[in-house]
Protein backbone atom coordinates (compact mmCIF):
# COMPACT_ATOMS: atom_id res chain seq x y z
CA UNK A 1 110.47 115.99 68.22
CA UNK A 2 107.64 113.72 67.26
CA UNK A 3 104.91 111.99 69.70
CA UNK A 4 103.59 108.51 69.90
CA UNK A 5 100.49 109.58 67.67
CA UNK A 6 102.83 110.36 64.59
CA UNK A 7 103.64 107.75 61.76
CA UNK A 8 107.11 107.94 59.95
CA UNK A 9 106.84 109.21 56.33
CA UNK A 10 107.49 105.63 55.04
CA UNK A 11 107.79 102.04 56.15
CA UNK A 12 110.72 100.41 54.64
CA UNK A 13 109.41 96.84 55.07
CA UNK A 14 106.14 96.34 56.62
CA UNK A 15 106.63 92.75 56.74
CA UNK A 16 110.07 92.27 58.25
CA UNK A 17 110.02 89.23 59.88
CA UNK A 18 106.62 88.02 58.69
CA UNK A 19 103.47 89.96 58.47
CA UNK A 20 103.51 92.23 61.28
CA UNK A 21 106.25 95.37 61.24
CA UNK A 22 108.64 95.87 63.89
CA UNK A 23 106.82 98.74 65.63
CA UNK A 24 107.05 99.72 69.74
CA UNK A 25 103.69 98.82 71.29
CA UNK A 26 101.98 101.36 72.72
CA UNK A 27 98.71 102.26 74.23
CA UNK A 28 98.54 105.68 73.47
CA UNK A 29 97.76 106.40 69.95
CA UNK A 30 94.83 107.88 69.29
CA UNK A 31 95.29 110.01 72.64
CA UNK A 32 93.83 109.23 75.88
CA UNK A 33 90.23 109.22 74.66
CA UNK A 34 90.50 106.77 71.69
CA UNK A 35 88.68 103.99 73.93
CA UNK A 36 85.74 106.49 73.90
CA UNK A 37 85.86 107.23 70.04
CA UNK A 38 86.12 103.48 69.39
CA UNK A 39 83.14 103.12 71.56
CA UNK A 40 80.95 106.02 69.73
CA UNK A 41 81.67 104.09 66.33
CA UNK A 42 80.66 100.85 67.34
CA UNK A 43 77.31 102.61 68.73
CA UNK A 44 77.20 104.01 65.72
CA UNK A 45 76.84 100.77 63.98
CA UNK A 46 74.47 99.35 66.16
CA UNK A 47 72.34 102.17 65.83
CA UNK A 48 72.55 102.45 62.07
CA UNK A 49 71.67 99.01 62.29
CA UNK A 50 68.34 99.46 63.28
CA UNK A 51 67.44 102.82 62.63
CA UNK A 52 64.69 104.23 59.93
CA UNK A 53 64.97 108.03 59.75
CA UNK A 54 62.30 110.13 57.96
CA UNK A 55 63.86 111.29 54.70
CA UNK A 56 64.63 114.92 56.40
CA UNK A 57 66.75 113.04 58.86
CA UNK A 58 68.33 111.22 56.41
CA UNK A 59 69.79 114.10 54.75
CA UNK A 60 70.91 115.68 57.47
CA UNK A 61 73.16 112.59 58.57
CA UNK A 62 74.34 112.17 55.24
CA UNK A 63 75.92 115.98 55.73
CA UNK A 64 77.29 115.05 59.18
CA UNK A 65 78.57 111.56 58.01
CA UNK A 66 80.27 113.29 54.89
CA UNK A 67 81.83 115.64 57.67
CA UNK A 68 83.05 113.17 59.68
CA UNK A 69 84.38 110.85 57.01
CA UNK A 70 86.18 114.02 55.61
CA UNK A 71 88.16 114.26 58.97
CA UNK A 72 88.81 111.14 59.27
CA UNK A 73 90.20 110.89 55.73
CA UNK A 74 92.75 113.45 56.60
CA UNK A 75 94.35 111.43 59.32
CA UNK A 76 94.88 108.10 57.60
CA UNK A 77 98.03 106.60 58.02
CA UNK A 78 99.38 102.89 57.18
CA UNK A 79 97.79 99.71 59.07
CA UNK A 80 101.13 99.22 61.58
CA UNK A 81 100.66 102.43 63.07
CA UNK A 82 96.76 102.86 62.98
CA UNK A 83 95.26 102.62 66.47
CA UNK A 84 92.61 100.40 65.28
CA UNK A 85 94.00 96.74 65.55
CA UNK A 86 97.05 97.66 67.47
CA UNK A 87 95.51 98.86 70.71
CA UNK A 88 96.36 96.02 72.96
CA UNK A 89 94.50 97.70 75.71
CA UNK A 90 91.05 98.04 74.27
CA UNK A 91 88.65 95.32 73.16
CA UNK A 92 89.69 93.52 70.17
CA UNK A 93 92.70 95.38 70.14
CA UNK A 94 90.85 98.53 68.86
CA UNK A 95 89.66 96.83 65.50
CA UNK A 96 85.85 97.83 65.30
CA UNK A 97 85.60 95.29 62.39
CA UNK A 98 85.84 92.42 64.78
CA UNK A 99 82.98 91.71 67.68
CA UNK A 100 84.84 93.23 70.70
CA UNK A 101 86.37 90.71 73.17
CA UNK A 102 88.77 90.81 75.99
CA UNK A 103 91.49 88.05 76.47
CA UNK A 104 90.64 86.52 80.12
CA UNK A 105 93.83 84.13 79.71
CA UNK A 106 96.27 82.34 77.25
CA UNK A 107 99.08 79.66 77.64
CA UNK A 108 99.87 76.77 75.39
CA UNK A 109 96.72 75.25 76.48
CA UNK A 110 94.96 77.75 74.44
CA UNK A 111 93.32 81.39 74.34
CA UNK A 112 89.97 81.95 76.44
CA UNK A 113 88.40 85.15 75.90
CA UNK A 114 84.85 87.12 76.71
CA UNK A 115 83.14 88.12 74.01
CA UNK A 116 80.10 90.06 72.91
CA UNK A 117 78.20 90.42 69.47
CA UNK A 118 76.23 93.87 69.38
CA UNK A 119 73.27 94.84 67.52
CA UNK A 120 75.50 95.28 64.59
CA UNK A 121 76.13 91.43 64.51
CA UNK A 122 72.61 90.87 64.05
CA UNK A 123 72.05 88.21 61.62
CA UNK A 124 68.11 87.82 62.25
CA UNK A 125 65.47 87.13 65.36
CA UNK A 126 67.79 88.50 67.88
CA UNK A 127 70.78 86.18 66.85
CA UNK A 128 74.28 86.74 66.01
CA UNK A 129 75.21 86.38 62.06
CA UNK A 130 76.96 83.31 61.41
CA UNK A 131 79.46 85.29 59.38
CA UNK A 132 80.09 87.45 62.32
CA UNK A 133 80.73 84.36 64.43
CA UNK A 134 83.11 82.80 61.88
CA UNK A 135 85.13 86.29 62.07
CA UNK A 136 85.61 85.87 65.91
CA UNK A 137 86.71 82.40 65.68
CA UNK A 138 89.19 83.48 62.96
CA UNK A 139 91.10 86.34 64.91
CA UNK A 140 91.26 84.28 68.27
CA UNK A 141 92.11 81.37 66.18
CA UNK A 142 94.98 83.21 65.18
CA UNK A 143 95.97 84.56 68.63
CA UNK A 144 95.91 80.69 69.65
CA UNK A 145 98.09 79.61 66.77
CA UNK A 146 100.67 82.47 67.53
CA UNK A 147 100.76 81.28 71.35
CA UNK A 148 101.37 78.15 70.14
CA UNK A 149 104.14 78.76 67.67
CA UNK A 150 105.54 81.84 69.01
CA UNK A 151 105.23 83.13 65.38
CA UNK A 152 102.50 84.40 62.92
CA UNK A 153 100.21 82.50 60.44
CA UNK A 154 97.41 82.98 57.86
CA UNK A 155 94.17 81.17 57.82
CA UNK A 156 94.23 78.19 55.00
CA UNK A 157 90.96 76.91 55.97
CA UNK A 158 88.25 77.73 58.43
CA UNK A 159 84.81 75.54 59.19
CA UNK A 160 82.11 76.25 61.94
CA UNK A 161 79.75 74.15 62.79
CA UNK A 162 76.64 76.27 64.37
CA UNK A 163 75.37 73.72 67.45
CA UNK A 164 72.38 76.43 68.61
CA UNK A 165 71.07 80.17 68.40
CA UNK A 166 74.22 82.66 69.47
CA UNK A 167 72.31 85.49 71.69
CA UNK A 168 72.96 89.18 70.73
CA UNK A 169 74.32 91.73 73.78
CA UNK A 170 75.57 88.93 76.15
CA UNK A 171 78.85 87.81 77.09
CA UNK A 172 80.08 84.49 75.61
CA UNK A 173 82.92 82.14 76.25
CA UNK A 174 85.34 81.51 73.65
CA UNK A 175 87.90 79.19 73.85
CA UNK A 176 90.30 78.21 70.78
CA UNK A 177 93.64 76.16 71.08
CA UNK A 178 96.53 74.61 68.87
CA UNK A 179 95.41 71.00 68.74
CA UNK A 180 98.23 69.61 66.46
CA UNK A 181 101.27 71.38 64.98
CA UNK A 182 103.00 69.58 61.89
CA UNK A 183 105.87 71.45 60.58
CA UNK A 184 104.30 74.95 59.70
CA UNK A 185 100.76 73.61 59.67
CA UNK A 186 98.81 74.65 63.04
CA UNK A 187 95.52 72.46 63.39
CA UNK A 188 92.91 74.73 65.47
CA UNK A 189 89.86 74.11 67.58
CA UNK A 190 87.30 76.55 68.97
CA UNK A 191 84.30 76.44 71.02
CA UNK A 192 81.99 79.31 71.43
CA UNK A 193 79.56 78.69 74.89
CA UNK A 194 76.63 80.78 76.38
CA UNK A 195 77.38 79.51 79.95
CA UNK A 196 76.54 75.54 79.63
CA UNK A 197 75.38 75.88 75.83
CA UNK A 198 77.56 75.24 73.44
CA UNK A 199 76.26 78.01 70.40
CA UNK A 200 79.10 76.81 68.10
CA UNK A 201 82.46 74.80 67.33
CA UNK A 202 85.26 75.58 64.75
CA UNK A 203 88.44 73.73 63.48
CA UNK A 204 91.12 74.88 61.14
CA UNK A 205 94.07 75.12 59.43
CA UNK A 206 96.41 77.99 59.83
CA UNK A 207 100.11 78.11 58.20
CA UNK A 208 103.12 79.80 59.80
CA UNK A 209 104.55 82.51 57.86
CA UNK A 210 108.15 82.59 56.94
CA UNK A 211 110.31 85.67 57.76
CA UNK A 212 109.38 88.04 55.36
CA UNK A 213 106.54 86.42 53.70
CA UNK A 214 103.13 88.95 53.40
C-alpha cells in the first residue's frame, strides 16, 4: 500500500480541467516536519544572501551543498505531487520561490494576506527588490482571479507602481481583487501596505484557461 508521499509512476493528463491536475489535497506530503525543512531552506537563502565565507569555508560548504543536492535530486517528483506549491497549510503553499505569505481572508471582494520579505529578497539599502514585489503580486492576484471566476487563469500583463520603500522582515498587508470580468478576461488590482503607508500598487490582466489548456 502506498502512502501520501508516494507519487504515481505517470500522470496521464497533468492539465486536465485546466492547468492543475485533479489530485487530492493533502497536508502530509513531505512528512510532519516538512514545514521545518521549508523554513531551513529559506534560512539558507537568507544567510547565503549576506554571507562572505573565507576560502576554506567556501570549499567546505560546496561539498556539503553538493551532498544535499544529490539527496534532493534522488527524490524529485512531478510538480503536481511535490509538497512545494501544494502544501496549503504552509506559507505561500510551501513554495520557497515566493516571498512567504499567509492568507487572512478571501471572498468575492478579494484576497487579504500578510506578507513578509526576508533577507533573501533584498534589493538594496534594506529594501525589498521590486521583482520580488511583482512576484508576490502575481501570485496573490492569481489567487484573487481564481476566487472571482472559480477557475484557473494565466497572467497576460502585470504592472506595478512602486510608491514608497518596501521594508524587509516586517509583516505587510497585501490586498488583491478582481476589478472587472469581461468574458475570459479578469482585470485585477492590488495594494501593498506597511501599516497606513502605501508601498506599491498593481494592476493586471489575467486570462481564464479553457478546459485542458496548459
